[in-house]
Amino acid sequence: MLEAILDLGLETAVRAASGWSGLGVIFVYSALIAFVLPFPSEIVLCPVGYLCPTNSLALAPFPYEVQIGLVIVVSGLGKALGSVIALMVGHSASHSGIVTGAIERLGFDPVAWSQKRMVELGKRWGPLGMAIGLSVPFFPDTASIYAFSVLGTGYRRFAAAAFAGSVGRLVVTIGLIEGALFVV
């Protein structure tokens, strides 16, 4: 229950974000959704009028297009930071003796299974696969980021893939919204 209240409060804060402090809220939210919150990241578009048309980030004197760009970049940087934290947590959890020991007693080796699947995917697509996966709109980032965390591709490459995927997702979302508005 407390988690639901916290999640709702943070989501509400993002939707109502304005000014320079609003960019800080967007950064924190984007970092948190990378490793803790199972929410889609498109909510960060609310302050610039997407998904929540009554809001406005109002970063004077910047034109509207620059404000959208700032939100996308700040969100991408937050997601990159959060993904590095997820990489550290995911790697530690996947090698935790307590967790893996308990599951292995059930006849399942999660480290071997996840490493095998992710190594296959990683060999084929590498960090590009993660970036492409994160570019899918309206899908929680947390699962994808943790799935790729077992690859251990290095913090910089992992953060770069998360940044590229986050930027790609927001651009695709804006394109879908603009396309739908054009048709209507």
C-alpha atoms as a PDB file:
ATOM      1  CA  MET A   1       0.000   0.000   0.000  1.00  0.00           C
ATOM      2  CA  LEU A   2       2.807   2.422   0.931  1.00  0.00           C
ATOM      3  CA  GLU A   3       4.575   1.620  -2.323  1.00  0.00           C
ATOM      4  CA  ALA A   4       1.403   2.422  -4.296  1.00  0.00           C
ATOM      5  CA  ILE A   5       1.057   5.761  -2.505  1.00  0.00           C
ATOM      6  CA  LEU A   6       4.729   6.597  -3.098  1.00  0.00           C
ATOM      7  CA  ASP A   7       4.454   5.582  -6.755  1.00  0.00           C
ATOM      8  CA  LEU A   8       1.310   7.668  -7.233  1.00  0.00           C
ATOM      9  CA  GLY A   9       2.936  10.660  -5.520  1.00  0.00           C
ATOM     10  CA  LEU A  10       6.035  10.469  -7.683  1.00  0.00           C
ATOM     11  CA  GLU A  11       3.978  10.024 -10.840  1.00  0.00           C
ATOM     12  CA  THR A  12       1.847  13.028  -9.876  1.00  0.00           C
ATOM     13  CA  ALA A  13       5.000  15.068  -9.231  1.00  0.00           C
ATOM     14  CA  VAL A  14       6.310  14.207 -12.698  1.00  0.00           C
ATOM     15  CA  ARG A  15       3.010  15.084 -14.364  1.00  0.00           C
ATOM     16  CA  ALA A  16       2.999  18.470 -12.603  1.00  0.00           C
ATOM     17  CA  ALA A  17       6.726  19.200 -13.012  1.00  0.00           C
ATOM     18  CA  SER A  18       7.567  22.706 -14.142  1.00  0.00           C
ATOM     19  CA  GLY A  19      10.588  24.942 -14.428  1.00  0.00           C
ATOM     20  CA  TRP A  20      14.164  23.903 -13.767  1.00  0.00           C
ATOM     21  CA  SER A  21      13.203  21.949 -10.642  1.00  0.00           C
ATOM     22  CA  GLY A  22      10.801  20.013 -12.874  1.00  0.00           C
ATOM     23  CA  LEU A  23      13.786  18.768 -14.861  1.00  0.00           C
ATOM     24  CA  GLY A  24      15.246  17.511 -11.572  1.00  0.00           C
ATOM     25  CA  VAL A  25      12.034  15.616 -10.838  1.00  0.00           C
ATOM     26  CA  ILE A  26      12.151  14.110 -14.339  1.00  0.00           C
ATOM     27  CA  PHE A  27      15.791  13.073 -13.843  1.00  0.00           C
ATOM     28  CA  VAL A  28      15.075  11.379 -10.499  1.00  0.00           C
ATOM     29  CA  TYR A  29      11.947   9.650 -11.827  1.00  0.00           C
ATOM     30  CA  SER A  30      13.828   8.385 -14.895  1.00  0.00           C
ATOM     31  CA  ALA A  31      16.629   7.024 -12.724  1.00  0.00           C
ATOM     32  CA  LEU A  32      14.144   5.288 -10.429  1.00  0.00           C
ATOM     33  CA  ILE A  33      12.164   3.654 -13.236  1.00  0.00           C
ATOM     34  CA  ALA A  34      15.385   2.147 -14.547  1.00  0.00           C
ATOM     35  CA  PHE A  35      15.999   0.081 -11.431  1.00  0.00           C
ATOM     36  CA  VAL A  36      13.027   0.217  -9.046  1.00  0.00           C
ATOM     37  CA  LEU A  37       9.707   1.425 -10.450  1.00  0.00           C
ATOM     38  CA  PRO A  38       7.925  -0.733 -13.032  1.00  0.00           C
ATOM     39  CA  PHE A  39       6.338   2.217 -14.849  1.00  0.00           C
ATOM     40  CA  PRO A  40       6.663   3.356 -18.450  1.00  0.00           C
ATOM     41  CA  SER A  41       8.893   6.365 -18.899  1.00  0.00           C
ATOM     42  CA  GLU A  42       6.574   8.232 -21.247  1.00  0.00           C
ATOM     43  CA  ILE A  43       5.074  10.082 -18.274  1.00  0.00           C
ATOM     44  CA  VAL A  44       8.027  12.485 -18.491  1.00  0.00           C
ATOM     45  CA  LEU A  45       6.424  13.910 -21.624  1.00  0.00           C
ATOM     46  CA  CYS A  46       3.498  15.259 -19.570  1.00  0.00           C
ATOM     47  CA  PRO A  47       5.232  18.485 -18.510  1.00  0.00           C
ATOM     48  CA  VAL A  48       5.746  19.440 -22.158  1.00  0.00           C
ATOM     49  CA  GLY A  49       2.137  18.762 -23.098  1.00  0.00           C
ATOM     50  CA  TYR A  50       2.308  15.199 -24.408  1.00  0.00           C
ATOM     51  CA  LEU A  51      -0.047  12.711 -22.747  1.00  0.00           C
ATOM     52  CA  CYS A  52      -1.183  15.504 -20.376  1.00  0.00           C
ATOM     53  CA  PRO A  53      -2.057  18.433 -22.652  1.00  0.00           C
ATOM     54  CA  THR A  54      -2.864  20.888 -19.872  1.00  0.00           C
ATOM     55  CA  ASN A  55       0.674  20.942 -18.468  1.00  0.00           C
ATOM     56  CA  SER A  56       3.596  23.114 -19.499  1.00  0.00           C
ATOM     57  CA  LEU A  57       7.211  22.850 -18.374  1.00  0.00           C
ATOM     58  CA  ALA A  58       7.619  26.590 -19.021  1.00  0.00           C
ATOM     59  CA  LEU A  59      11.373  26.885 -19.247  1.00  0.00           C
ATOM     60  CA  ALA A  60      11.488  30.477 -20.421  1.00  0.00           C
ATOM     61  CA  PRO A  61      13.112  31.767 -22.606  1.00  0.00           C
ATOM     62  CA  PHE A  62      13.519  28.480 -24.488  1.00  0.00           C
ATOM     63  CA  PRO A  63      11.214  27.657 -27.388  1.00  0.00           C
ATOM     64  CA  TYR A  64       8.875  24.705 -26.988  1.00  0.00           C
ATOM     65  CA  GLU A  65      11.029  22.398 -29.167  1.00  0.00           C
ATOM     66  CA  VAL A  66      14.082  23.058 -26.988  1.00  0.00           C
ATOM     67  CA  GLN A  67      12.024  22.270 -23.869  1.00  0.00           C
ATOM     68  CA  ILE A  68      11.030  18.922 -25.382  1.00  0.00           C
ATOM     69  CA  GLY A  69      14.679  18.255 -26.195  1.00  0.00           C
ATOM     70  CA  LEU A  70      15.718  19.109 -22.642  1.00  0.00           C
ATOM     71  CA  VAL A  71      13.135  16.716 -21.191  1.00  0.00           C
ATOM     72  CA  ILE A  72      14.295  13.926 -23.511  1.00  0.00           C
ATOM     73  CA  VAL A  73      17.987  14.441 -22.707  1.00  0.00           C
ATOM     74  CA  VAL A  74      17.425  14.802 -18.933  1.00  0.00           C
ATOM     75  CA  SER A  75      15.237  11.693 -18.916  1.00  0.00           C
ATOM     76  CA  GLY A  76      17.862   9.791 -20.911  1.00  0.00           C
ATOM     77  CA  LEU A  77      20.606  10.825 -18.487  1.00  0.00           C
ATOM     78  CA  GLY A  78      18.467   9.752 -15.529  1.00  0.00           C
ATOM     79  CA  LYS A  79      17.788   6.419 -17.204  1.00  0.00           C
ATOM     80  CA  ALA A  80      21.517   5.976 -17.880  1.00  0.00           C
ATOM     81  CA  LEU A  81      22.337   6.548 -14.200  1.00  0.00           C
ATOM     82  CA  GLY A  82      19.531   4.244 -13.076  1.00  0.00           C
ATOM     83  CA  SER A  83      20.653   1.539 -15.490  1.00  0.00           C
ATOM     84  CA  VAL A  84      24.163   1.560 -14.034  1.00  0.00           C
ATOM     85  CA  ILE A  85      22.654   1.105 -10.569  1.00  0.00           C
ATOM     86  CA  ALA A  86      20.493  -1.724 -11.971  1.00  0.00           C
ATOM     87  CA  LEU A  87      23.598  -3.265 -13.518  1.00  0.00           C
ATOM     88  CA  MET A  88      25.340  -3.290 -10.148  1.00  0.00           C
ATOM     89  CA  VAL A  89      22.255  -4.604  -8.317  1.00  0.00           C
ATOM     90  CA  GLY A  90      21.403  -7.155 -11.016  1.00  0.00           C
ATOM     91  CA  HIS A  91      24.940  -8.500 -11.163  1.00  0.00           C
ATOM     92  CA  SER A  92      25.104  -8.772  -7.381  1.00  0.00           C
ATOM     93  CA  ALA A  93      21.690 -10.446  -7.119  1.00  0.00           C
ATOM     94  CA  SER A  94      22.416 -12.883  -9.928  1.00  0.00           C
ATOM     95  CA  HIS A  95      25.513 -14.018  -8.053  1.00  0.00           C
ATOM     96  CA  SER A  96      24.008 -13.974  -4.543  1.00  0.00           C
ATOM     97  CA  GLY A  97      24.594 -17.257  -2.758  1.00  0.00           C
ATOM     98  CA  ILE A  98      21.371 -17.003  -0.750  1.00  0.00           C
ATOM     99  CA  VAL A  99      19.119 -16.317  -3.732  1.00  0.00           C
ATOM    100  CA  THR A 100      20.718 -18.726  -6.176  1.00  0.00           C
ATOM    101  CA  GLY A 101      21.137 -21.441  -3.541  1.00  0.00           C
ATOM    102  CA  ALA A 102      17.450 -21.386  -2.658  1.00  0.00           C
ATOM    103  CA  ILE A 103      16.378 -21.545  -6.291  1.00  0.00           C
ATOM    104  CA  GLU A 104      18.964 -24.175  -7.212  1.00  0.00           C
ATOM    105  CA  ARG A 105      17.510 -26.445  -4.508  1.00  0.00           C
ATOM    106  CA  LEU A 106      14.338 -26.384  -6.589  1.00  0.00           C
ATOM    107  CA  GLY A 107      16.342 -27.780  -9.515  1.00  0.00           C
ATOM    108  CA  PHE A 108      16.727 -24.497 -11.416  1.00  0.00           C
ATOM    109  CA  ASP A 109      19.996 -22.619 -11.903  1.00  0.00           C
ATOM    110  CA  PRO A 110      18.934 -19.008 -12.583  1.00  0.00           C
ATOM    111  CA  VAL A 111      22.441 -17.715 -13.156  1.00  0.00           C
ATOM    112  CA  ALA A 112      23.211 -20.319 -15.794  1.00  0.00           C
ATOM    113  CA  TRP A 113      19.805 -19.920 -17.457  1.00  0.00           C
ATOM    114  CA  SER A 114      19.811 -16.121 -17.535  1.00  0.00           C
ATOM    115  CA  GLN A 115      23.432 -15.916 -18.587  1.00  0.00           C
ATOM    116  CA  LYS A 116      22.837 -18.385 -21.405  1.00  0.00           C
ATOM    117  CA  ARG A 117      19.786 -16.502 -22.733  1.00  0.00           C
ATOM    118  CA  MET A 118      21.305 -13.052 -22.330  1.00  0.00           C
ATOM    119  CA  VAL A 119      24.657 -14.106 -23.751  1.00  0.00           C
ATOM    120  CA  GLU A 120      22.829 -15.427 -26.825  1.00  0.00           C
ATOM    121  CA  LEU A 121      20.967 -12.140 -27.175  1.00  0.00           C
ATOM    122  CA  GLY A 122      24.054 -10.126 -26.283  1.00  0.00           C
ATOM    123  CA  LYS A 123      26.211 -11.914 -28.838  1.00  0.00           C
ATOM    124  CA  ARG A 124      23.646 -11.247 -31.488  1.00  0.00           C
ATOM    125  CA  TRP A 125      22.745  -7.650 -30.668  1.00  0.00           C
ATOM    126  CA  GLY A 126      24.968  -6.461 -27.789  1.00  0.00           C
ATOM    127  CA  PRO A 127      24.068  -3.142 -26.165  1.00  0.00           C
ATOM    128  CA  LEU A 128      22.193  -2.271 -29.356  1.00  0.00           C
ATOM    129  CA  GLY A 129      19.656  -4.962 -28.404  1.00  0.00           C
ATOM    130  CA  MET A 130      19.075  -3.259 -25.078  1.00  0.00           C
ATOM    131  CA  ALA A 131      18.715   0.141 -26.746  1.00  0.00           C
ATOM    132  CA  ILE A 132      16.196  -1.269 -29.219  1.00  0.00           C
ATOM    133  CA  GLY A 133      14.279  -3.020 -26.437  1.00  0.00           C
ATOM    134  CA  LEU A 134      14.099   0.177 -24.412  1.00  0.00           C
ATOM    135  CA  SER A 135      12.795   2.063 -27.448  1.00  0.00           C
ATOM    136  CA  VAL A 136       9.479   0.201 -27.286  1.00  0.00           C
ATOM    137  CA  PRO A 137       6.888   2.675 -25.958  1.00  0.00           C
ATOM    138  CA  PHE A 138       4.646   1.949 -22.964  1.00  0.00           C
ATOM    139  CA  PHE A 139       6.645  -1.038 -21.692  1.00  0.00           C
ATOM    140  CA  PRO A 140       8.320  -0.914 -18.253  1.00  0.00           C
ATOM    141  CA  ASP A 141      12.074  -0.406 -18.545  1.00  0.00           C
ATOM    142  CA  THR A 142      13.003  -2.210 -15.352  1.00  0.00           C
ATOM    143  CA  ALA A 143      12.556  -5.734 -16.755  1.00  0.00           C
ATOM    144  CA  SER A 144      14.644  -5.059 -19.866  1.00  0.00           C
ATOM    145  CA  ILE A 145      17.420  -3.373 -17.933  1.00  0.00           C
ATOM    146  CA  TYR A 146      17.702  -6.169 -15.385  1.00  0.00           C
ATOM    147  CA  ALA A 147      17.587  -8.790 -18.131  1.00  0.00           C
ATOM    148  CA  PHE A 148      20.583  -7.190 -19.813  1.00  0.00           C
ATOM    149  CA  SER A 149      22.425  -6.574 -16.537  1.00  0.00           C
ATOM    150  CA  VAL A 150      23.728 -10.146 -16.502  1.00  0.00           C
ATOM    151  CA  LEU A 151      25.786  -9.406 -19.607  1.00  0.00           C
ATOM    152  CA  GLY A 152      28.150  -7.148 -17.690  1.00  0.00           C
ATOM    153  CA  THR A 153      29.050  -5.145 -20.810  1.00  0.00           C
ATOM    154  CA  GLY A 154      30.608  -2.379 -18.742  1.00  0.00           C
ATOM    155  CA  TYR A 155      29.068   0.659 -17.154  1.00  0.00           C
ATOM    156  CA  ARG A 156      29.712   3.092 -19.996  1.00  0.00           C
ATOM    157  CA  ARG A 157      28.291   0.874 -22.732  1.00  0.00           C
ATOM    158  CA  PHE A 158      25.341  -0.080 -20.536  1.00  0.00           C
ATOM    159  CA  ALA A 159      24.591   3.565 -19.704  1.00  0.00           C
ATOM    160  CA  ALA A 160      24.992   4.580 -23.364  1.00  0.00           C
ATOM    161  CA  ALA A 161      22.545   1.861 -24.457  1.00  0.00           C
ATOM    162  CA  ALA A 162      20.056   2.941 -21.775  1.00  0.00           C
ATOM    163  CA  PHE A 163      20.402   6.593 -22.829  1.00  0.00           C
ATOM    164  CA  ALA A 164      19.940   5.757 -26.520  1.00  0.00           C
ATOM    165  CA  GLY A 165      16.946   3.516 -25.766  1.00  0.00           C
ATOM    166  CA  SER A 166      15.342   6.150 -23.558  1.00  0.00           C
ATOM    167  CA  VAL A 167      15.773   8.894 -26.148  1.00  0.00           C
ATOM    168  CA  GLY A 168      14.527   6.520 -28.854  1.00  0.00           C
ATOM    169  CA  ARG A 169      11.434   5.611 -26.833  1.00  0.00           C
ATOM    170  CA  LEU A 170      10.465   9.233 -26.207  1.00  0.00           C
ATOM    171  CA  VAL A 171      11.037  10.193 -29.846  1.00  0.00           C
ATOM    172  CA  VAL A 172       8.969   7.204 -31.023  1.00  0.00           C
ATOM    173  CA  THR A 173       6.219   8.109 -28.528  1.00  0.00           C
ATOM    174  CA  ILE A 174       6.133  11.715 -29.750  1.00  0.00           C
ATOM    175  CA  GLY A 175       6.037  10.428 -33.328  1.00  0.00           C
ATOM    176  CA  LEU A 176       3.105   8.133 -32.521  1.00  0.00           C
ATOM    177  CA  ILE A 177       1.207  10.940 -30.787  1.00  0.00           C
ATOM    178  CA  GLU A 178       1.898  13.442 -33.574  1.00  0.00           C
ATOM    179  CA  GLY A 179       0.935  10.839 -36.183  1.00  0.00           C
ATOM    180  CA  ALA A 180      -2.329  10.096 -34.410  1.00  0.00           C
ATOM    181  CA  LEU A 181      -3.092  13.812 -34.096  1.00  0.00           C
ATOM    182  CA  PHE A 182      -2.315  14.320 -37.786  1.00  0.00           C
ATOM    183  CA  VAL A 183      -4.734  11.553 -38.774  1.00  0.00           C
ATOM    184  CA  VAL A 184      -7.453  12.944 -36.515  1.00  0.00           C
END
